[in-house]
Amino acid sequence: MVATIAPRPPLGLPAGSIRGILAVQITVILWLLMLAPDDRPVQVPLNLYFLLSLVMVFFVAHGKSIARRDEPMASPLWLPGGSLRFIILAGTAAVFAYVAYAHPERLERFTPSPEQLKNWKYYLGALAIGFVLGYGTRILPFRHAWAFQAFQAWTAIIAMAIMFLEMVFQVIINISLTDRFDPVHWQTVVTGVVAFYYGSRS
């Protein structure tokens, strides 16, 4: 007999907390790449566009797998309802307004190079497969088992850690190189792991 416990969000945080942290991590990478000095060889990585689609998933999850602002359940990270969405939207609007006004040439960083575009199928595949596999775990008969909930907790930790490493690589390491490095396999793994977590909690 498999031991079960009452279902709860990973790490004991309010529903949507890990997804919110991941959404902020994804968005912060975009902000920092846009704010990087002009003497840096900056290019928005192609997989970031696919990860940004998961930020939209976080937005639409409210009222479904994440409590609405007017519901009695705690909002993500116990913050006031709508806080993370406000941070993401306001921060993105502020960064884009600043760049468009003071450094409009940086908007070219959004134009993928031909070398980047040839890898789109890997990122799309990782996004789709990861999300579908994650969503499939919601119908498993043992999803309330202690072992499975521990697995979800570890998946949350791994997803946040891997996004942190991606941030360090893109914002600190890669833009300091004269010739940018495009680690397709690593970015495919990052996209797949984060998509899996989002799928398992959506």
Protein backbone atom coordinates (compact mmCIF):
# COMPACT_ATOMS: atom_id res chain seq x y z
CA MET A 1 0.00 0.00 0.00
CA VAL A 2 1.37 3.40 -1.01
CA ALA A 3 1.41 5.97 1.78
CA THR A 4 -0.54 9.09 0.92
CA ILE A 5 -0.74 12.54 2.43
CA ALA A 6 -3.08 15.42 1.86
CA PRO A 7 -2.08 17.08 -1.44
CA ARG A 8 -0.22 20.32 -1.01
CA PRO A 9 1.87 22.60 -3.23
CA PRO A 10 5.58 21.74 -3.45
CA LEU A 11 7.79 22.95 -0.57
CA GLY A 12 4.70 23.89 1.44
CA LEU A 13 4.40 27.27 -0.28
CA PRO A 14 1.06 28.71 -1.43
CA ALA A 15 -0.09 27.44 -4.82
CA GLY A 16 1.66 29.24 -7.65
CA SER A 17 4.71 30.30 -5.63
CA ILE A 18 7.27 28.22 -7.54
CA ARG A 19 5.68 29.12 -10.87
CA GLY A 20 5.80 32.76 -9.82
CA ILE A 21 9.48 32.54 -8.90
CA LEU A 22 10.24 30.87 -12.23
CA ALA A 23 8.23 33.52 -14.10
CA VAL A 24 10.19 36.28 -12.37
CA GLN A 25 13.50 34.52 -13.10
CA ILE A 26 12.62 34.23 -16.79
CA THR A 27 11.56 37.87 -16.97
CA VAL A 28 14.59 39.16 -15.07
CA ILE A 29 16.89 37.48 -17.61
CA LEU A 30 15.12 39.46 -20.33
CA TRP A 31 15.41 42.71 -18.37
CA LEU A 32 19.11 42.27 -17.67
CA LEU A 33 19.91 41.41 -21.28
CA MET A 34 18.14 44.56 -22.43
CA LEU A 35 19.91 46.71 -19.82
CA ALA A 36 23.37 45.32 -20.54
CA PRO A 37 25.87 47.97 -21.77
CA ASP A 38 26.17 48.61 -25.48
CA ASP A 39 29.75 47.37 -25.57
CA ARG A 40 28.55 43.84 -24.78
CA PRO A 41 27.73 41.36 -27.58
CA VAL A 42 24.18 40.81 -26.34
CA GLN A 43 21.56 38.74 -28.13
CA VAL A 44 18.32 37.52 -26.57
CA PRO A 45 18.61 33.70 -26.60
CA LEU A 46 15.98 31.99 -28.71
CA ASN A 47 14.87 29.61 -25.97
CA LEU A 48 13.93 32.63 -23.82
CA TYR A 49 11.04 33.36 -26.17
CA PHE A 50 9.68 29.87 -25.53
CA LEU A 51 10.19 30.25 -21.78
CA LEU A 52 8.29 33.55 -21.89
CA SER A 53 5.24 31.59 -23.06
CA LEU A 54 5.30 29.91 -19.63
CA VAL A 55 5.10 33.34 -17.99
CA MET A 56 1.77 33.75 -19.78
CA VAL A 57 0.72 30.34 -18.43
CA PHE A 58 1.41 31.68 -14.94
CA PHE A 59 -0.86 34.66 -15.61
CA VAL A 60 -3.81 32.58 -16.82
CA ALA A 61 -3.46 30.02 -14.00
CA HIS A 62 -5.02 32.44 -11.50
CA GLY A 63 -8.53 31.29 -10.72
CA LYS A 64 -7.65 27.73 -11.76
CA SER A 65 -4.62 26.25 -10.04
CA ILE A 66 -3.72 29.55 -8.31
CA ALA A 67 -6.07 31.42 -6.00
CA ARG A 68 -7.70 34.63 -7.19
CA ARG A 69 -7.05 37.84 -5.32
CA ASP A 70 -10.48 37.76 -3.65
CA GLU A 71 -10.28 34.11 -2.55
CA PRO A 72 -9.41 33.14 1.05
CA MET A 73 -6.42 30.97 0.05
CA ALA A 74 -2.99 32.57 0.23
CA SER A 75 -1.56 34.13 -2.91
CA PRO A 76 1.87 33.07 -4.24
CA LEU A 77 4.67 33.63 -1.69
CA TRP A 78 2.02 35.04 0.70
CA LEU A 79 2.25 38.36 -1.11
CA PRO A 80 -0.82 40.53 -1.73
CA GLY A 81 -2.87 39.20 -4.60
CA GLY A 82 -1.53 40.20 -8.00
CA SER A 83 1.89 41.27 -6.67
CA LEU A 84 4.00 39.03 -8.88
CA ARG A 85 1.97 39.83 -11.97
CA PHE A 86 2.34 43.55 -11.22
CA ILE A 87 6.10 43.19 -10.76
CA ILE A 88 6.45 41.33 -14.06
CA LEU A 89 4.24 43.70 -16.05
CA ALA A 90 5.47 46.96 -14.49
CA GLY A 91 9.12 45.91 -14.63
CA THR A 92 8.88 44.84 -18.25
CA ALA A 93 7.06 48.04 -19.24
CA ALA A 94 9.66 50.16 -17.42
CA VAL A 95 12.62 48.38 -19.03
CA PHE A 96 11.13 48.58 -22.52
CA ALA A 97 10.20 52.25 -22.09
CA TYR A 98 13.72 53.10 -20.93
CA VAL A 99 15.41 51.13 -23.71
CA ALA A 100 13.10 52.50 -26.41
CA TYR A 101 13.76 56.07 -25.25
CA ALA A 102 17.44 56.01 -24.28
CA HIS A 103 18.90 53.11 -26.28
CA PRO A 104 16.56 52.23 -29.17
CA GLU A 105 19.37 50.37 -30.92
CA ARG A 106 19.18 47.71 -28.22
CA LEU A 107 15.83 46.59 -29.60
CA GLU A 108 17.87 44.84 -32.29
CA ARG A 109 18.82 42.36 -29.60
CA PHE A 110 15.38 40.82 -30.11
CA THR A 111 16.11 39.88 -33.71
CA PRO A 112 17.29 36.25 -33.74
CA SER A 113 20.29 35.45 -35.89
CA PRO A 114 20.02 32.77 -38.61
CA GLU A 115 22.22 30.54 -36.42
CA GLN A 116 19.70 30.85 -33.58
CA LEU A 117 16.65 30.27 -35.76
CA LYS A 118 17.87 26.90 -36.98
CA ASN A 119 17.48 25.58 -33.41
CA TRP A 120 13.83 26.57 -32.92
CA LYS A 121 12.62 22.97 -33.33
CA TYR A 122 14.63 21.79 -30.32
CA TYR A 123 13.18 24.44 -28.04
CA LEU A 124 9.64 23.98 -29.30
CA GLY A 125 9.98 20.22 -28.88
CA ALA A 126 11.35 20.59 -25.35
CA LEU A 127 8.57 23.02 -24.43
CA ALA A 128 5.80 20.81 -25.81
CA ILE A 129 7.15 17.47 -24.57
CA GLY A 130 8.05 18.82 -21.14
CA PHE A 131 4.68 20.49 -20.63
CA VAL A 132 2.67 17.50 -21.86
CA LEU A 133 4.64 15.04 -19.73
CA GLY A 134 4.26 17.30 -16.71
CA TYR A 135 0.54 17.71 -17.31
CA GLY A 136 0.24 13.96 -17.66
CA THR A 137 1.42 13.48 -14.07
CA ARG A 138 -1.81 15.11 -12.89
CA ILE A 139 -3.81 12.03 -13.86
CA LEU A 140 -1.50 9.46 -12.28
CA PRO A 141 -3.30 7.30 -9.68
CA PHE A 142 -0.50 7.79 -7.15
CA ARG A 143 -0.23 11.59 -7.50
CA HIS A 144 -1.19 12.02 -3.82
CA ALA A 145 1.43 9.55 -2.61
CA TRP A 146 4.17 10.87 -0.36
CA ALA A 147 6.89 9.75 -2.78
CA PHE A 148 5.30 11.57 -5.70
CA GLN A 149 4.83 14.78 -3.75
CA ALA A 150 8.49 14.56 -2.72
CA PHE A 151 9.33 14.16 -6.41
CA GLN A 152 7.34 17.31 -7.18
CA ALA A 153 9.23 19.18 -4.47
CA TRP A 154 12.56 18.12 -5.93
CA THR A 155 11.36 19.07 -9.41
CA ALA A 156 10.55 22.55 -8.08
CA ILE A 157 14.03 22.90 -6.57
CA ILE A 158 15.73 21.66 -9.75
CA ALA A 159 13.65 23.97 -11.96
CA MET A 160 14.54 27.04 -9.87
CA ALA A 161 18.20 26.03 -9.67
CA ILE A 162 18.47 25.44 -13.40
CA MET A 163 16.89 28.83 -14.13
CA PHE A 164 19.36 30.47 -11.76
CA LEU A 165 22.25 28.81 -13.60
CA GLU A 166 20.74 29.95 -16.90
CA MET A 167 20.61 33.51 -15.56
CA VAL A 168 24.25 33.38 -14.47
CA PHE A 169 25.29 31.98 -17.84
CA GLN A 170 23.33 34.42 -20.00
CA VAL A 171 23.80 37.60 -17.97
CA ILE A 172 27.30 37.17 -16.55
CA ILE A 173 29.27 34.61 -18.53
CA ASN A 174 27.98 34.77 -22.08
CA ILE A 175 27.92 38.55 -22.50
CA SER A 176 31.48 38.77 -21.22
CA LEU A 177 32.72 36.60 -24.09
CA THR A 178 33.94 38.15 -27.31
CA ASP A 179 32.19 35.41 -29.29
CA ARG A 180 28.85 34.43 -27.81
CA PHE A 181 28.32 30.79 -27.03
CA ASP A 182 24.98 29.18 -27.89
CA PRO A 183 24.69 25.94 -25.86
CA VAL A 184 21.72 24.36 -27.63
CA HIS A 185 21.66 21.19 -25.55
CA TRP A 186 21.76 23.06 -22.24
CA GLN A 187 19.05 25.51 -23.29
CA THR A 188 16.89 22.64 -24.53
CA VAL A 189 17.19 20.98 -21.12
CA VAL A 190 16.37 24.25 -19.34
CA THR A 191 13.26 24.74 -21.49
CA GLY A 192 12.11 21.15 -21.02
CA VAL A 193 12.60 21.03 -17.24
CA VAL A 194 10.81 24.33 -16.59
CA ALA A 195 8.00 23.37 -18.98
CA PHE A 196 7.63 20.02 -17.18
CA TYR A 197 7.17 21.76 -13.86
CA TYR A 198 4.63 24.19 -15.26
CA GLY A 199 2.72 21.33 -16.84
CA SER A 200 2.65 19.33 -13.61
CA ARG A 201 1.16 22.26 -11.70
CA SER A 202 -1.19 23.76 -14.31
